[in-house]
N, C-alpha and C. Protein backbone atom coordinates (compact mmCIF):
# COMPACT_ATOMS: atom_id res chain seq x y z
N MET A 1 0.87 -1.15 -0.11
CA MET A 1 0.07 0.06 0.07
C MET A 1 0.84 1.27 -0.06
N PRO A 2 0.66 2.25 -0.85
CA PRO A 2 1.33 3.44 -0.76
C PRO A 2 1.21 4.15 0.37
N ALA A 3 2.27 4.91 0.68
CA ALA A 3 2.36 5.65 2.09
C ALA A 3 1.18 6.68 2.15
N ALA A 4 0.74 7.24 1.16
CA ALA A 4 -0.25 8.32 1.14
C ALA A 4 -1.64 7.59 1.49
N GLN A 5 -1.83 6.34 0.95
CA GLN A 5 -3.16 5.58 1.20
C GLN A 5 -3.12 5.10 2.56
N GLY A 6 -1.95 4.56 3.09
CA GLY A 6 -1.91 4.18 4.46
C GLY A 6 -2.20 5.25 5.40
N ALA A 7 -1.62 6.34 5.14
CA ALA A 7 -1.77 7.57 6.05
C ALA A 7 -3.21 7.93 6.01
N ALA A 8 -3.83 7.89 4.85
CA ALA A 8 -5.40 8.27 4.86
C ALA A 8 -6.30 7.19 5.56
N VAL A 9 -5.89 5.85 5.53
CA VAL A 9 -6.67 4.96 6.35
C VAL A 9 -6.48 5.24 7.74
N ALA A 10 -5.24 5.24 8.25
CA ALA A 10 -4.97 5.66 9.58
C ALA A 10 -5.81 6.82 9.99
N ALA A 11 -5.86 7.98 9.19
CA ALA A 11 -6.55 9.16 9.59
C ALA A 11 -7.99 8.73 9.72
N LEU A 12 -8.52 8.17 8.76
CA LEU A 12 -9.98 7.78 8.77
C LEU A 12 -10.32 7.07 10.13
N ASP A 13 -9.44 6.08 10.37
CA ASP A 13 -9.62 5.26 11.73
C ASP A 13 -9.53 6.34 12.98
N ALA A 14 -8.54 7.08 13.03
CA ALA A 14 -8.36 8.01 14.12
C ALA A 14 -9.56 9.03 14.23
N ALA A 15 -9.97 9.53 13.10
CA ALA A 15 -11.06 10.55 13.10
C ALA A 15 -12.33 9.99 13.55
N VAL A 16 -12.76 8.89 12.93
CA VAL A 16 -14.04 8.17 13.35
C VAL A 16 -14.07 7.71 14.99
N HIS A 17 -12.82 7.10 15.36
CA HIS A 17 -12.82 6.66 16.72
C HIS A 17 -12.89 7.83 17.72
N ALA A 18 -11.98 8.99 17.33
CA ALA A 18 -12.14 10.10 18.14
C ALA A 18 -13.44 10.72 18.32
N TRP A 19 -14.31 10.65 17.25
CA TRP A 19 -15.70 11.07 17.40
C TRP A 19 -16.55 10.03 18.28
N ASP A 20 -16.26 8.79 18.10
CA ASP A 20 -16.84 7.85 19.05
C ASP A 20 -16.55 8.21 20.38
N ILE A 21 -15.36 8.30 20.78
CA ILE A 21 -14.95 8.59 22.24
C ILE A 21 -15.53 9.84 22.76
N ALA A 22 -15.42 10.89 21.92
CA ALA A 22 -16.06 12.09 22.30
C ALA A 22 -17.37 12.13 22.63
N VAL A 23 -18.29 11.61 21.69
CA VAL A 23 -19.72 11.59 21.96
C VAL A 23 -20.21 10.64 22.91
N ALA A 24 -19.48 9.50 23.23
CA ALA A 24 -19.63 8.52 24.21
C ALA A 24 -19.52 9.03 25.57
N THR A 25 -18.54 10.03 25.73
CA THR A 25 -18.15 10.59 27.08
C THR A 25 -18.79 12.00 27.23
N GLY A 26 -19.67 12.35 26.28
CA GLY A 26 -20.42 13.54 26.39
C GLY A 26 -19.57 14.86 26.00
N ARG A 27 -18.53 14.73 25.37
CA ARG A 27 -17.73 15.74 25.03
C ARG A 27 -18.32 16.34 23.58
N ARG A 28 -18.03 17.51 23.40
CA ARG A 28 -18.48 18.28 22.19
C ARG A 28 -17.30 18.45 21.37
N LEU A 29 -16.89 17.34 20.56
CA LEU A 29 -15.67 17.32 19.71
C LEU A 29 -16.17 16.73 18.30
N PRO A 30 -16.83 17.59 17.61
CA PRO A 30 -17.41 17.10 16.45
C PRO A 30 -16.27 16.84 15.34
N LEU A 31 -16.60 15.84 14.39
CA LEU A 31 -15.81 15.70 13.31
C LEU A 31 -15.85 16.75 12.31
N ALA A 32 -14.73 17.43 12.05
CA ALA A 32 -14.93 18.77 11.14
C ALA A 32 -15.13 18.30 9.75
N ASP A 33 -16.05 19.11 9.17
CA ASP A 33 -16.39 18.90 7.68
C ASP A 33 -15.09 18.86 6.84
N ALA A 34 -14.22 19.76 7.24
CA ALA A 34 -13.00 19.89 6.33
C ALA A 34 -12.19 18.59 6.28
N LEU A 35 -12.04 18.00 7.51
CA LEU A 35 -11.41 16.76 7.62
C LEU A 35 -12.08 15.51 6.94
N ALA A 36 -13.40 15.55 7.21
CA ALA A 36 -14.37 14.58 6.70
C ALA A 36 -14.17 14.65 5.15
N GLU A 37 -14.13 15.73 4.59
CA GLU A 37 -14.05 15.99 3.05
C GLU A 37 -12.85 15.37 2.68
N GLY A 38 -11.70 15.53 3.45
CA GLY A 38 -10.42 15.20 2.96
C GLY A 38 -10.33 13.57 3.08
N LEU A 39 -11.27 12.97 3.86
CA LEU A 39 -11.29 11.46 4.16
C LEU A 39 -12.31 10.78 3.18
N GLU A 40 -13.05 11.62 2.50
CA GLU A 40 -14.32 11.11 1.77
C GLU A 40 -13.87 9.96 0.77
N GLY A 41 -12.70 10.24 -0.08
CA GLY A 41 -12.28 9.18 -1.01
C GLY A 41 -11.91 7.98 -0.33
N VAL A 42 -11.14 7.78 0.68
CA VAL A 42 -10.75 6.62 1.17
C VAL A 42 -11.98 6.07 2.08
N GLY A 43 -12.65 6.88 2.61
CA GLY A 43 -13.98 6.29 3.15
C GLY A 43 -14.87 5.65 2.35
N ALA A 44 -15.15 6.24 1.13
CA ALA A 44 -16.11 5.60 0.17
C ALA A 44 -15.57 4.34 -0.36
N PHE A 45 -14.27 4.14 -0.36
CA PHE A 45 -13.75 2.82 -0.80
C PHE A 45 -13.64 1.74 0.44
N LEU A 46 -12.96 2.23 1.38
CA LEU A 46 -12.61 1.45 2.47
C LEU A 46 -13.88 0.82 3.38
N ILE A 47 -14.75 1.67 3.65
CA ILE A 47 -15.81 1.40 4.76
C ILE A 47 -16.62 0.35 3.98
N PRO A 48 -17.09 0.48 2.67
CA PRO A 48 -17.84 -0.66 2.23
C PRO A 48 -17.12 -2.00 2.07
N PHE A 49 -15.82 -1.81 1.71
CA PHE A 49 -14.87 -3.06 1.45
C PHE A 49 -14.83 -3.65 2.77
N VAL A 50 -14.59 -3.11 3.91
CA VAL A 50 -14.38 -3.78 5.16
C VAL A 50 -15.68 -4.23 5.70
N ARG A 51 -16.74 -3.49 5.37
CA ARG A 51 -18.05 -4.02 5.90
C ARG A 51 -18.34 -5.29 5.20
N ASP A 52 -18.32 -5.27 3.76
CA ASP A 52 -18.72 -6.40 3.08
C ASP A 52 -17.60 -7.69 3.23
N SER A 53 -16.47 -7.36 3.44
CA SER A 53 -15.38 -8.36 3.37
C SER A 53 -15.21 -9.02 5.01
N PHE A 54 -15.37 -8.09 5.92
CA PHE A 54 -15.19 -8.57 7.24
C PHE A 54 -16.22 -8.15 8.33
N GLY A 55 -17.34 -7.59 7.90
CA GLY A 55 -18.30 -7.28 8.84
C GLY A 55 -18.00 -6.41 9.82
N LYS A 56 -17.12 -5.47 9.81
CA LYS A 56 -16.65 -4.62 10.73
C LYS A 56 -17.24 -3.20 11.01
N PHE A 57 -18.23 -2.93 9.99
CA PHE A 57 -18.95 -1.68 10.12
C PHE A 57 -20.30 -2.10 10.16
N SER A 58 -21.25 -1.31 10.71
CA SER A 58 -22.74 -1.65 10.65
C SER A 58 -23.20 -0.91 9.39
N ALA A 59 -24.45 -1.31 9.00
CA ALA A 59 -25.05 -0.80 7.80
C ALA A 59 -25.06 0.66 7.86
N ALA A 60 -24.93 1.49 6.68
CA ALA A 60 -25.05 2.94 6.63
C ALA A 60 -26.19 3.41 7.15
N VAL A 61 -26.10 4.51 7.93
CA VAL A 61 -27.29 5.25 8.53
C VAL A 61 -27.78 6.22 7.60
N PRO A 62 -29.04 6.31 7.18
CA PRO A 62 -29.58 7.38 6.37
C PRO A 62 -29.34 8.72 6.85
N VAL A 63 -29.10 9.72 6.10
CA VAL A 63 -28.97 11.06 6.47
C VAL A 63 -29.56 11.94 5.30
N ALA A 64 -29.96 13.01 5.65
CA ALA A 64 -30.50 13.98 4.53
C ALA A 64 -29.56 14.32 3.42
N ASP A 65 -30.02 14.55 2.29
CA ASP A 65 -29.13 14.68 1.12
C ASP A 65 -28.36 15.88 1.33
N ASP A 66 -28.85 16.96 2.08
CA ASP A 66 -28.02 18.28 2.29
C ASP A 66 -27.23 18.00 3.51
N ALA A 67 -27.02 16.89 4.08
CA ALA A 67 -26.10 16.64 5.22
C ALA A 67 -24.71 17.08 4.86
N GLY A 68 -23.84 17.55 5.84
CA GLY A 68 -22.51 17.90 5.69
C GLY A 68 -21.55 16.74 5.31
N PRO A 69 -20.32 17.07 5.00
CA PRO A 69 -19.43 15.85 4.85
C PRO A 69 -19.14 15.07 6.11
N ALA A 70 -19.11 15.56 7.36
CA ALA A 70 -18.86 14.70 8.44
C ALA A 70 -20.12 13.91 8.73
N ALA A 71 -21.20 14.47 8.66
CA ALA A 71 -22.40 13.55 8.75
C ALA A 71 -22.44 12.44 7.84
N LYS A 72 -22.13 12.72 6.61
CA LYS A 72 -22.37 11.70 5.69
C LYS A 72 -21.20 10.55 5.87
N LEU A 73 -20.02 11.02 6.24
CA LEU A 73 -18.79 9.98 6.57
C LEU A 73 -19.22 9.14 7.67
N LEU A 74 -19.81 9.79 8.81
CA LEU A 74 -20.13 8.99 10.05
C LEU A 74 -21.26 8.06 9.59
N ALA A 75 -22.26 8.56 8.90
CA ALA A 75 -23.41 7.67 8.51
C ALA A 75 -22.94 6.51 7.68
N LEU A 76 -22.00 6.77 6.69
CA LEU A 76 -21.41 5.67 5.93
C LEU A 76 -20.75 4.59 6.74
N SER A 77 -20.15 5.03 7.88
CA SER A 77 -19.48 4.01 8.77
C SER A 77 -20.40 3.38 9.81
N GLY A 78 -21.75 3.59 9.58
CA GLY A 78 -22.72 2.99 10.39
C GLY A 78 -23.04 3.82 11.72
N ARG A 79 -22.53 4.98 11.87
CA ARG A 79 -22.76 5.87 12.89
C ARG A 79 -23.82 6.80 12.66
N ASP A 80 -24.69 7.09 13.73
CA ASP A 80 -25.63 8.12 13.64
C ASP A 80 -25.02 9.42 14.07
N PRO A 81 -24.86 10.34 13.20
CA PRO A 81 -24.20 11.61 13.54
C PRO A 81 -24.97 12.43 14.58
N ARG A 82 -26.21 12.09 14.84
CA ARG A 82 -27.07 12.81 15.75
C ARG A 82 -26.91 12.13 17.17
N TRP A 83 -26.26 11.01 17.30
CA TRP A 83 -26.33 10.10 18.52
C TRP A 83 -25.70 10.97 19.63
N ALA A 84 -26.37 10.87 20.77
CA ALA A 84 -25.68 11.39 21.96
C ALA A 84 -26.01 10.43 23.18
N PRO A 85 -25.21 10.33 24.16
CA PRO A 85 -25.51 9.43 25.33
C PRO A 85 -26.83 9.94 25.94
N ALA A 86 -27.44 8.85 26.61
CA ALA A 86 -28.77 9.25 27.27
C ALA A 86 -28.48 10.22 28.49
N ALA A 87 -29.24 11.17 28.64
CA ALA A 87 -29.09 12.15 29.88
C ALA A 87 -29.53 11.26 31.15
N GLY A 88 -28.79 11.89 32.14
CA GLY A 88 -29.05 11.16 33.46
C GLY A 88 -28.02 10.75 34.16
């Protein structure tokens, strides 16, 4: 794998899991649209490939057509971009 592709895969993994940790712990650390836009290409290829080959992502979550790049990337990875932990 070329270094640039490997770096993009690692960045995708880090960005999505940072969002997971942030929202699970009630922190406001959104995935920036600019970063998500930069990861769109690798995400569009890698997420469906890993989901179909290894079952490591949930099914894509539907989002509005006008959703931003971050919401679309999270939704593609099976995450609901509107998710928040239960209050209480």
